């Protein structure tokens, strides 16, 4: 059984819900942390779902600030992480462990 720590997603958010990560075939993924950074001079918001279930809905991120969500959530094969934000100046960094 291989266990690999990795960045599951790193990049700018879209303004409509977009798949950020899909668990690969024959793999289980444990999401360990989500960092959301707003690089704009005004506040923004973001939303994140794990397999269609909201874990953050229209959460505010102050201007030039970050929010950290620390969690241990397991996703099975083919399940997805999706997210969106009020502007593309909001960035996601999602870390986790893939077990195959």
PDB file of N, CA and C in Angstrom:
ATOM      1  N   UNK A   1       0.847  -1.167   0.000  1.00  0.00           N
ATOM      2  CA  UNK A   1       0.000   0.000   0.000  1.00  0.00           C
ATOM      3  C   UNK A   1       0.898   1.238   0.000  1.00  0.00           C
ATOM      4  N   UNK A   2       0.768   2.065  -1.033  1.00  0.00           N
ATOM      5  CA  UNK A   2       1.561   3.288  -1.138  1.00  0.00           C
ATOM      6  C   UNK A   2       0.792   4.471  -0.557  1.00  0.00           C
ATOM      7  N   UNK A   3       1.497   5.305   0.192  1.00  0.00           N
ATOM      8  CA  UNK A   3       0.920   6.519   0.763  1.00  0.00           C
ATOM      9  C   UNK A   3       1.753   7.704   0.292  1.00  0.00           C
ATOM     10  N   UNK A   4       1.096   8.659  -0.394  1.00  0.00           N
ATOM     11  CA  UNK A   4       1.809   9.798  -0.960  1.00  0.00           C
ATOM     12  C   UNK A   4       1.175  11.098  -0.485  1.00  0.00           C
ATOM     13  N   UNK A   5       1.960  11.923   0.231  1.00  0.00           N
ATOM     14  CA  UNK A   5       1.504  13.261   0.615  1.00  0.00           C
ATOM     15  C   UNK A   5       1.680  14.162  -0.593  1.00  0.00           C
ATOM     16  N   UNK A   6       0.673  14.995  -0.879  1.00  0.00           N
ATOM     17  CA  UNK A   6       0.792  15.843  -2.055  1.00  0.00           C
ATOM     18  C   UNK A   6      -0.149  17.028  -2.019  1.00  0.00           C
ATOM     19  N   UNK A   7       0.128  17.981  -2.883  1.00  0.00           N
ATOM     20  CA  UNK A   7      -0.793  19.084  -3.128  1.00  0.00           C
ATOM     21  C   UNK A   7      -1.861  18.550  -4.064  1.00  0.00           C
ATOM     22  N   UNK A   8      -3.102  18.536  -3.606  1.00  0.00           N
ATOM     23  CA  UNK A   8      -4.195  18.022  -4.423  1.00  0.00           C
ATOM     24  C   UNK A   8      -4.677  19.064  -5.416  1.00  0.00           C
ATOM     25  N   UNK A   9      -4.575  20.332  -5.028  1.00  0.00           N
ATOM     26  CA  UNK A   9      -4.907  21.438  -5.927  1.00  0.00           C
ATOM     27  C   UNK A   9      -4.180  22.677  -5.455  1.00  0.00           C
ATOM     28  N   UNK A  10      -3.701  23.453  -6.414  1.00  0.00           N
ATOM     29  CA  UNK A  10      -3.072  24.731  -6.098  1.00  0.00           C
ATOM     30  C   UNK A  10      -3.343  25.668  -7.264  1.00  0.00           C
ATOM     31  N   UNK A  11      -4.114  26.730  -7.006  1.00  0.00           N
ATOM     32  CA  UNK A  11      -4.388  27.676  -8.079  1.00  0.00           C
ATOM     33  C   UNK A  11      -5.535  28.606  -7.763  1.00  0.00           C
ATOM     34  N   UNK A  12      -5.822  29.461  -8.735  1.00  0.00           N
ATOM     35  CA  UNK A  12      -6.898  30.441  -8.602  1.00  0.00           C
ATOM     36  C   UNK A  12      -8.255  29.757  -8.665  1.00  0.00           C
ATOM     37  N   UNK A  13      -9.204  30.307  -7.945  1.00  0.00           N
ATOM     38  CA  UNK A  13     -10.576  29.808  -7.958  1.00  0.00           C
ATOM     39  C   UNK A  13     -11.303  30.332  -9.187  1.00  0.00           C
ATOM     40  N   UNK A  14     -12.276  29.582  -9.636  1.00  0.00           N
ATOM     41  CA  UNK A  14     -13.182  30.041 -10.686  1.00  0.00           C
ATOM     42  C   UNK A  14     -14.374  30.714 -10.003  1.00  0.00           C
ATOM     43  N   UNK A  15     -15.122  31.507 -10.749  1.00  0.00           N
ATOM     44  CA  UNK A  15     -16.272  32.194 -10.159  1.00  0.00           C
ATOM     45  C   UNK A  15     -17.548  31.353 -10.211  1.00  0.00           C
ATOM     46  N   UNK A  16     -17.461  30.164 -10.786  1.00  0.00           N
ATOM     47  CA  UNK A  16     -18.568  29.201 -10.710  1.00  0.00           C
ATOM     48  C   UNK A  16     -17.971  27.874 -10.244  1.00  0.00           C
ATOM     49  N   UNK A  17     -18.786  27.018  -9.669  1.00  0.00           N
ATOM     50  CA  UNK A  17     -18.290  25.768  -9.097  1.00  0.00           C
ATOM     51  C   UNK A  17     -17.546  24.934 -10.145  1.00  0.00           C
ATOM     52  N   UNK A  18     -16.334  24.564  -9.787  1.00  0.00           N
ATOM     53  CA  UNK A  18     -15.451  23.817 -10.678  1.00  0.00           C
ATOM     54  C   UNK A  18     -14.808  22.679  -9.907  1.00  0.00           C
ATOM     55  N   UNK A  19     -14.602  21.544 -10.562  1.00  0.00           N
ATOM     56  CA  UNK A  19     -13.896  20.435  -9.935  1.00  0.00           C
ATOM     57  C   UNK A  19     -12.435  20.813  -9.746  1.00  0.00           C
ATOM     58  N   UNK A  20     -11.968  20.711  -8.511  1.00  0.00           N
ATOM     59  CA  UNK A  20     -10.586  21.026  -8.176  1.00  0.00           C
ATOM     60  C   UNK A  20      -9.730  19.772  -8.103  1.00  0.00           C
ATOM     61  N   UNK A  21     -10.344  18.649  -7.745  1.00  0.00           N
ATOM     62  CA  UNK A  21      -9.607  17.396  -7.589  1.00  0.00           C
ATOM     63  C   UNK A  21     -10.587  16.237  -7.683  1.00  0.00           C
ATOM     64  N   UNK A  22     -10.158  15.181  -8.346  1.00  0.00           N
ATOM     65  CA  UNK A  22     -10.920  13.933  -8.408  1.00  0.00           C
ATOM     66  C   UNK A  22     -10.021  12.815  -7.895  1.00  0.00           C
ATOM     67  N   UNK A  23     -10.529  12.013  -6.974  1.00  0.00           N
ATOM     68  CA  UNK A  23      -9.750  10.905  -6.427  1.00  0.00           C
ATOM     69  C   UNK A  23      -9.492   9.898  -7.549  1.00  0.00           C
ATOM     70  N   UNK A  24      -8.211   9.537  -7.773  1.00  0.00           N
ATOM     71  CA  UNK A  24      -7.884   8.586  -8.840  1.00  0.00           C
ATOM     72  C   UNK A  24      -8.458   7.188  -8.585  1.00  0.00           C
ATOM     73  N   UNK A  25      -8.512   6.420  -9.639  1.00  0.00           N
ATOM     74  CA  UNK A  25      -8.961   5.028  -9.584  1.00  0.00           C
ATOM     75  C   UNK A  25      -8.111   4.239  -8.583  1.00  0.00           C
ATOM     76  N   UNK A  26      -8.724   3.320  -7.869  1.00  0.00           N
ATOM     77  CA  UNK A  26      -8.056   2.434  -6.908  1.00  0.00           C
ATOM     78  C   UNK A  26      -7.292   3.210  -5.827  1.00  0.00           C
ATOM     79  N   UNK A  27      -7.825   4.367  -5.454  1.00  0.00           N
ATOM     80  CA  UNK A  27      -7.155   5.232  -4.478  1.00  0.00           C
ATOM     81  C   UNK A  27      -8.166   5.788  -3.483  1.00  0.00           C
ATOM     82  N   UNK A  28      -7.724   5.967  -2.257  1.00  0.00           N
ATOM     83  CA  UNK A  28      -8.480   6.691  -1.239  1.00  0.00           C
ATOM     84  C   UNK A  28      -7.654   7.929  -0.906  1.00  0.00           C
ATOM     85  N   UNK A  29      -8.308   9.060  -0.748  1.00  0.00           N
ATOM     86  CA  UNK A  29      -7.592  10.299  -0.431  1.00  0.00           C
ATOM     87  C   UNK A  29      -8.069  10.850   0.904  1.00  0.00           C
ATOM     88  N   UNK A  30      -7.119  11.302   1.715  1.00  0.00           N
ATOM     89  CA  UNK A  30      -7.425  11.986   2.969  1.00  0.00           C
ATOM     90  C   UNK A  30      -7.038  13.450   2.775  1.00  0.00           C
ATOM     91  N   UNK A  31      -8.014  14.331   2.855  1.00  0.00           N
ATOM     92  CA  UNK A  31      -7.761  15.764   2.747  1.00  0.00           C
ATOM     93  C   UNK A  31      -7.332  16.237   4.129  1.00  0.00           C
ATOM     94  N   UNK A  32      -6.195  16.928   4.195  1.00  0.00           N
ATOM     95  CA  UNK A  32      -5.667  17.321   5.497  1.00  0.00           C
ATOM     96  C   UNK A  32      -5.782  18.811   5.777  1.00  0.00           C
ATOM     97  N   UNK A  33      -5.697  19.644   4.725  1.00  0.00           N
ATOM     98  CA  UNK A  33      -5.773  21.078   4.959  1.00  0.00           C
ATOM     99  C   UNK A  33      -6.131  21.819   3.681  1.00  0.00           C
ATOM    100  N   UNK A  34      -6.925  22.864   3.843  1.00  0.00           N
ATOM    101  CA  UNK A  34      -7.275  23.746   2.736  1.00  0.00           C
ATOM    102  C   UNK A  34      -6.922  25.164   3.170  1.00  0.00           C
ATOM    103  N   UNK A  35      -6.075  25.823   2.387  1.00  0.00           N
ATOM    104  CA  UNK A  35      -5.714  27.211   2.636  1.00  0.00           C
ATOM    105  C   UNK A  35      -6.338  28.037   1.516  1.00  0.00           C
ATOM    106  N   UNK A  36      -7.074  29.067   1.898  1.00  0.00           N
ATOM    107  CA  UNK A  36      -7.716  29.954   0.929  1.00  0.00           C
ATOM    108  C   UNK A  36      -7.122  31.341   1.129  1.00  0.00           C
ATOM    109  N   UNK A  37      -6.560  31.911   0.064  1.00  0.00           N
ATOM    110  CA  UNK A  37      -5.896  33.207   0.136  1.00  0.00           C
ATOM    111  C   UNK A  37      -6.587  34.193  -0.791  1.00  0.00           C
ATOM    112  N   UNK A  38      -6.829  35.373  -0.287  1.00  0.00           N
ATOM    113  CA  UNK A  38      -7.421  36.452  -1.086  1.00  0.00           C
ATOM    114  C   UNK A  38      -6.343  37.507  -1.323  1.00  0.00           C
ATOM    115  N   UNK A  39      -5.926  37.674  -2.580  1.00  0.00           N
ATOM    116  CA  UNK A  39      -4.864  38.627  -2.904  1.00  0.00           C
ATOM    117  C   UNK A  39      -5.398  39.999  -3.299  1.00  0.00           C
ATOM    118  N   UNK A  40      -6.690  40.193  -3.228  1.00  0.00           N
ATOM    119  CA  UNK A  40      -7.309  41.464  -3.633  1.00  0.00           C
ATOM    120  C   UNK A  40      -7.302  42.480  -2.490  1.00  0.00           C
ATOM    121  N   UNK A  41      -7.520  43.723  -2.848  1.00  0.00           N
ATOM    122  CA  UNK A  41      -7.584  44.812  -1.868  1.00  0.00           C
ATOM    123  C   UNK A  41      -8.969  44.925  -1.238  1.00  0.00           C
ATOM    124  N   UNK A  42      -9.889  44.058  -1.632  1.00  0.00           N
ATOM    125  CA  UNK A  42     -11.226  44.028  -1.032  1.00  0.00           C
ATOM    126  C   UNK A  42     -11.572  42.589  -0.644  1.00  0.00           C
ATOM    127  N   UNK A  43     -12.499  42.440   0.279  1.00  0.00           N
ATOM    128  CA  UNK A  43     -12.889  41.115   0.760  1.00  0.00           C
ATOM    129  C   UNK A  43     -13.476  40.273  -0.370  1.00  0.00           C
ATOM    130  N   UNK A  44     -13.352  38.958  -0.216  1.00  0.00           N
ATOM    131  CA  UNK A  44     -13.936  38.013  -1.170  1.00  0.00           C
ATOM    132  C   UNK A  44     -14.614  36.893  -0.413  1.00  0.00           C
ATOM    133  N   UNK A  45     -15.255  35.994  -1.131  1.00  0.00           N
ATOM    134  CA  UNK A  45     -15.896  34.827  -0.513  1.00  0.00           C
ATOM    135  C   UNK A  45     -15.525  33.579  -1.298  1.00  0.00           C
ATOM    136  N   UNK A  46     -15.683  32.421  -0.645  1.00  0.00           N
ATOM    137  CA  UNK A  46     -15.433  31.144  -1.318  1.00  0.00           C
ATOM    138  C   UNK A  46     -16.395  30.088  -0.807  1.00  0.00           C
ATOM    139  N   UNK A  47     -16.546  29.039  -1.601  1.00  0.00           N
ATOM    140  CA  UNK A  47     -17.341  27.869  -1.228  1.00  0.00           C
ATOM    141  C   UNK A  47     -16.572  26.620  -1.649  1.00  0.00           C
ATOM    142  N   UNK A  48     -16.682  25.559  -0.828  1.00  0.00           N
ATOM    143  CA  UNK A  48     -16.021  24.281  -1.115  1.00  0.00           C
ATOM    144  C   UNK A  48     -16.993  23.153  -0.800  1.00  0.00           C
ATOM    145  N   UNK A  49     -17.024  22.132  -1.671  1.00  0.00           N
ATOM    146  CA  UNK A  49     -17.799  20.923  -1.395  1.00  0.00           C
ATOM    147  C   UNK A  49     -16.898  19.697  -1.512  1.00  0.00           C
ATOM    148  N   UNK A  50     -17.193  18.699  -0.700  1.00  0.00           N
ATOM    149  CA  UNK A  50     -16.541  17.393  -0.781  1.00  0.00           C
ATOM    150  C   UNK A  50     -17.613  16.404  -1.185  1.00  0.00           C
ATOM    151  N   UNK A  51     -17.496  15.855  -2.385  1.00  0.00           N
ATOM    152  CA  UNK A  51     -18.477  14.917  -2.923  1.00  0.00           C
ATOM    153  C   UNK A  51     -19.896  15.473  -2.834  1.00  0.00           C
ATOM    154  N   UNK A  52     -20.041  16.752  -3.167  1.00  0.00           N
ATOM    155  CA  UNK A  52     -21.354  17.384  -3.211  1.00  0.00           C
ATOM    156  C   UNK A  52     -21.875  17.889  -1.882  1.00  0.00           C
ATOM    157  N   UNK A  53     -21.131  17.682  -0.818  1.00  0.00           N
ATOM    158  CA  UNK A  53     -21.550  18.139   0.514  1.00  0.00           C
ATOM    159  C   UNK A  53     -20.746  19.383   0.885  1.00  0.00           C
ATOM    160  N   UNK A  54     -21.429  20.463   1.201  1.00  0.00           N
ATOM    161  CA  UNK A  54     -20.762  21.726   1.523  1.00  0.00           C
ATOM    162  C   UNK A  54     -19.993  21.628   2.827  1.00  0.00           C
ATOM    163  N   UNK A  55     -18.743  22.103   2.794  1.00  0.00           N
ATOM    164  CA  UNK A  55     -17.978  22.251   4.040  1.00  0.00           C
ATOM    165  C   UNK A  55     -17.712  23.727   4.314  1.00  0.00           C
ATOM    166  N   UNK A  56     -17.888  24.571   3.274  1.00  0.00           N
ATOM    167  CA  UNK A  56     -17.745  26.021   3.420  1.00  0.00           C
ATOM    168  C   UNK A  56     -18.639  26.656   2.363  1.00  0.00           C
ATOM    169  N   UNK A  57     -19.572  27.499   2.793  1.00  0.00           N
ATOM    170  CA  UNK A  57     -20.507  28.130   1.863  1.00  0.00           C
ATOM    171  C   UNK A  57     -20.444  29.646   2.010  1.00  0.00           C
ATOM    172  N   UNK A  58     -20.006  30.304   0.970  1.00  0.00           N
ATOM    173  CA  UNK A  58     -19.892  31.762   0.910  1.00  0.00           C
ATOM    174  C   UNK A  58     -19.184  32.317   2.154  1.00  0.00           C
ATOM    175  N   UNK A  59     -18.023  31.736   2.449  1.00  0.00           N
ATOM    176  CA  UNK A  59     -17.216  32.162   3.596  1.00  0.00           C
ATOM    177  C   UNK A  59     -16.383  33.383   3.192  1.00  0.00           C
ATOM    178  N   UNK A  60     -16.398  34.406   4.015  1.00  0.00           N
ATOM    179  CA  UNK A  60     -15.653  35.634   3.725  1.00  0.00           C
ATOM    180  C   UNK A  60     -14.164  35.467   4.013  1.00  0.00           C
ATOM    181  N   UNK A  61     -13.353  36.030   3.116  1.00  0.00           N
ATOM    182  CA  UNK A  61     -11.909  36.119   3.322  1.00  0.00           C
ATOM    183  C   UNK A  61     -11.554  37.598   3.198  1.00  0.00           C
ATOM    184  N   UNK A  62     -11.034  38.196   4.265  1.00  0.00           N
ATOM    185  CA  UNK A  62     -10.700  39.616   4.205  1.00  0.00           C
ATOM    186  C   UNK A  62      -9.667  39.932   3.112  1.00  0.00           C
ATOM    187  N   UNK A  63      -9.579  41.188   2.752  1.00  0.00           N
ATOM    188  CA  UNK A  63      -8.590  41.636   1.771  1.00  0.00           C
ATOM    189  C   UNK A  63      -7.187  41.252   2.211  1.00  0.00           C
ATOM    190  N   UNK A  64      -6.397  40.747   1.260  1.00  0.00           N
ATOM    191  CA  UNK A  64      -4.994  40.391   1.522  1.00  0.00           C
ATOM    192  C   UNK A  64      -4.821  39.518   2.761  1.00  0.00           C
ATOM    193  N   UNK A  65      -5.655  38.504   2.881  1.00  0.00           N
ATOM    194  CA  UNK A  65      -5.624  37.631   4.061  1.00  0.00           C
ATOM    195  C   UNK A  65      -5.848  36.191   3.626  1.00  0.00           C
ATOM    196  N   UNK A  66      -5.742  35.273   4.592  1.00  0.00           N
ATOM    197  CA  UNK A  66      -5.934  33.840   4.331  1.00  0.00           C
ATOM    198  C   UNK A  66      -6.836  33.221   5.379  1.00  0.00           C
ATOM    199  N   UNK A  67      -7.446  32.125   4.989  1.00  0.00           N
ATOM    200  CA  UNK A  67      -8.247  31.308   5.890  1.00  0.00           C
ATOM    201  C   UNK A  67      -7.740  29.875   5.778  1.00  0.00           C
ATOM    202  N   UNK A  68      -7.583  29.202   6.916  1.00  0.00           N
ATOM    203  CA  UNK A  68      -7.098  27.827   6.917  1.00  0.00           C
ATOM    204  C   UNK A  68      -8.185  26.918   7.456  1.00  0.00           C
ATOM    205  N   UNK A  69      -8.475  25.857   6.708  1.00  0.00           N
ATOM    206  CA  UNK A  69      -9.415  24.840   7.167  1.00  0.00           C
ATOM    207  C   UNK A  69      -8.596  23.574   7.398  1.00  0.00           C
ATOM    208  N   UNK A  70      -8.456  23.190   8.653  1.00  0.00           N
ATOM    209  CA  UNK A  70      -7.714  21.986   9.005  1.00  0.00           C
ATOM    210  C   UNK A  70      -8.725  20.865   9.217  1.00  0.00           C
ATOM    211  N   UNK A  71      -8.553  19.765   8.493  1.00  0.00           N
ATOM    212  CA  UNK A  71      -9.514  18.678   8.605  1.00  0.00           C
ATOM    213  C   UNK A  71      -8.872  17.355   8.240  1.00  0.00           C
ATOM    214  N   UNK A  72      -9.550  16.296   8.526  1.00  0.00           N
ATOM    215  CA  UNK A  72      -9.144  14.943   8.140  1.00  0.00           C
ATOM    216  C   UNK A  72     -10.388  14.285   7.550  1.00  0.00           C
ATOM    217  N   UNK A  73     -10.582  14.469   6.257  1.00  0.00           N
ATOM    218  CA  UNK A  73     -11.758  13.929   5.582  1.00  0.00           C
ATOM    219  C   UNK A  73     -11.320  12.926   4.523  1.00  0.00           C
ATOM    220  N   UNK A  74     -11.989  11.781   4.499  1.00  0.00           N
ATOM    221  CA  UNK A  74     -11.655  10.708   3.572  1.00  0.00           C
ATOM    222  C   UNK A  74     -12.604  10.760   2.382  1.00  0.00           C
ATOM    223  N   UNK A  75     -12.017  10.664   1.180  1.00  0.00           N
ATOM    224  CA  UNK A  75     -12.799  10.570  -0.051  1.00  0.00           C
ATOM    225  C   UNK A  75     -12.404   9.290  -0.780  1.00  0.00           C
ATOM    226  N   UNK A  76     -13.393   8.546  -1.244  1.00  0.00           N
ATOM    227  CA  UNK A  76     -13.156   7.296  -1.960  1.00  0.00           C
ATOM    228  C   UNK A  76     -12.934   7.559  -3.453  1.00  0.00           C
ATOM    229  N   UNK A  77     -12.543   6.532  -4.162  1.00  0.00           N
ATOM    230  CA  UNK A  77     -12.304   6.584  -5.604  1.00  0.00           C
ATOM    231  C   UNK A  77     -13.411   7.331  -6.329  1.00  0.00           C
ATOM    232  N   UNK A  78     -13.022   8.208  -7.239  1.00  0.00           N
ATOM    233  CA  UNK A  78     -13.866   9.027  -8.129  1.00  0.00           C
ATOM    234  C   UNK A  78     -14.628  10.166  -7.441  1.00  0.00           C
ATOM    235  N   UNK A  79     -14.529  10.304  -6.139  1.00  0.00           N
ATOM    236  CA  UNK A  79     -15.194  11.418  -5.459  1.00  0.00           C
ATOM    237  C   UNK A  79     -14.421  12.710  -5.747  1.00  0.00           C
ATOM    238  N   UNK A  80     -15.113  13.858  -5.648  1.00  0.00           N
ATOM    239  CA  UNK A  80     -14.476  15.113  -6.041  1.00  0.00           C
ATOM    240  C   UNK A  80     -14.497  16.178  -4.952  1.00  0.00           C
ATOM    241  N   UNK A  81     -13.541  17.108  -5.098  1.00  0.00           N
ATOM    242  CA  UNK A  81     -13.539  18.356  -4.353  1.00  0.00           C
ATOM    243  C   UNK A  81     -13.876  19.427  -5.384  1.00  0.00           C
ATOM    244  N   UNK A  82     -14.862  20.247  -5.082  1.00  0.00           N
ATOM    245  CA  UNK A  82     -15.236  21.336  -5.991  1.00  0.00           C
ATOM    246  C   UNK A  82     -15.221  22.640  -5.214  1.00  0.00           C
ATOM    247  N   UNK A  83     -15.011  23.730  -5.933  1.00  0.00           N
ATOM    248  CA  UNK A  83     -14.983  25.018  -5.266  1.00  0.00           C
ATOM    249  C   UNK A  83     -15.218  26.171  -6.211  1.00  0.00           C
ATOM    250  N   UNK A  84     -15.498  27.308  -5.611  1.00  0.00           N
ATOM    251  CA  UNK A  84     -15.684  28.549  -6.368  1.00  0.00           C
ATOM    252  C   UNK A  84     -15.405  29.716  -5.437  1.00  0.00           C
ATOM    253  N   UNK A  85     -15.313  30.905  -6.029  1.00  0.00           N
ATOM    254  CA  UNK A  85     -15.069  32.109  -5.237  1.00  0.00           C
ATOM    255  C   UNK A  85     -15.721  33.292  -5.932  1.00  0.00           C
ATOM    256  N   UNK A  86     -15.791  34.388  -5.221  1.00  0.00           N
ATOM    257  CA  UNK A  86     -16.403  35.601  -5.767  1.00  0.00           C
ATOM    258  C   UNK A  86     -15.517  36.273  -6.807  1.00  0.00           C
ATOM    259  N   UNK A  87     -14.223  35.930  -6.806  1.00  0.00           N
ATOM    260  CA  UNK A  87     -13.286  36.522  -7.763  1.00  0.00           C
ATOM    261  C   UNK A  87     -12.099  35.585  -7.959  1.00  0.00           C
ATOM    262  N   UNK A  88     -11.406  35.732  -9.078  1.00  0.00           N
ATOM    263  CA  UNK A  88     -10.243  34.884  -9.350  1.00  0.00           C
ATOM    264  C   UNK A  88      -9.011  35.308  -8.552  1.00  0.00           C
ATOM    265  N   UNK A  89      -9.140  36.328  -7.729  1.00  0.00           N
ATOM    266  CA  UNK A  89      -8.056  36.726  -6.829  1.00  0.00           C
ATOM    267  C   UNK A  89      -8.040  35.865  -5.563  1.00  0.00           C
ATOM    268  N   UNK A  90      -9.012  34.956  -5.460  1.00  0.00           N
ATOM    269  CA  UNK A  90      -9.049  33.993  -4.363  1.00  0.00           C
ATOM    270  C   UNK A  90      -8.369  32.721  -4.858  1.00  0.00           C
ATOM    271  N   UNK A  91      -7.417  32.219  -4.077  1.00  0.00           N
ATOM    272  CA  UNK A  91      -6.646  31.035  -4.458  1.00  0.00           C
ATOM    273  C   UNK A  91      -6.836  29.924  -3.446  1.00  0.00           C
ATOM    274  N   UNK A  92      -6.852  28.669  -3.955  1.00  0.00           N
ATOM    275  CA  UNK A  92      -6.964  27.484  -3.106  1.00  0.00           C
ATOM    276  C   UNK A  92      -5.640  26.725  -3.110  1.00  0.00           C
ATOM    277  N   UNK A  93      -5.267  26.220  -1.953  1.00  0.00           N
ATOM    278  CA  UNK A  93      -4.170  25.256  -1.833  1.00  0.00           C
ATOM    279  C   UNK A  93      -4.720  24.127  -0.975  1.00  0.00           C
ATOM    280  N   UNK A  94      -4.901  22.962  -1.591  1.00  0.00           N
ATOM    281  CA  UNK A  94      -5.494  21.827  -0.894  1.00  0.00           C
ATOM    282  C   UNK A  94      -4.440  20.725  -0.768  1.00  0.00           C
ATOM    283  N   UNK A  95      -4.165  20.319   0.471  1.00  0.00           N
ATOM    284  CA  UNK A  95      -3.163  19.289   0.738  1.00  0.00           C
ATOM    285  C   UNK A  95      -3.835  18.021   1.221  1.00  0.00           C
ATOM    286  N   UNK A  96      -3.176  16.903   0.952  1.00  0.00           N
ATOM    287  CA  UNK A  96      -3.734  15.642   1.416  1.00  0.00           C
ATOM    288  C   UNK A  96      -2.787  14.486   1.200  1.00  0.00           C
ATOM    289  N   UNK A  97      -3.335  13.288   1.407  1.00  0.00           N
ATOM    290  CA  UNK A  97      -2.579  12.057   1.275  1.00  0.00           C
ATOM    291  C   UNK A  97      -3.388  11.101   0.391  1.00  0.00           C
ATOM    292  N   UNK A  98      -2.735  10.555  -0.630  1.00  0.00           N
ATOM    293  CA  UNK A  98      -3.348   9.526  -1.467  1.00  0.00           C
ATOM    294  C   UNK A  98      -2.857   8.166  -1.013  1.00  0.00           C
ATOM    295  N   UNK A  99      -3.783   7.239  -0.844  1.00  0.00           N
ATOM    296  CA  UNK A  99      -3.461   5.890  -0.412  1.00  0.00           C
ATOM    297  C   UNK A  99      -3.937   4.941  -1.501  1.00  0.00           C
ATOM    298  N   UNK A 100      -2.977   4.199  -2.068  1.00  0.00           N
ATOM    299  CA  UNK A 100      -3.357   3.259  -3.140  1.00  0.00           C
ATOM    300  C   UNK A 100      -2.723   1.899  -2.914  1.00  0.00           C
TER     301      UNK A 100
END
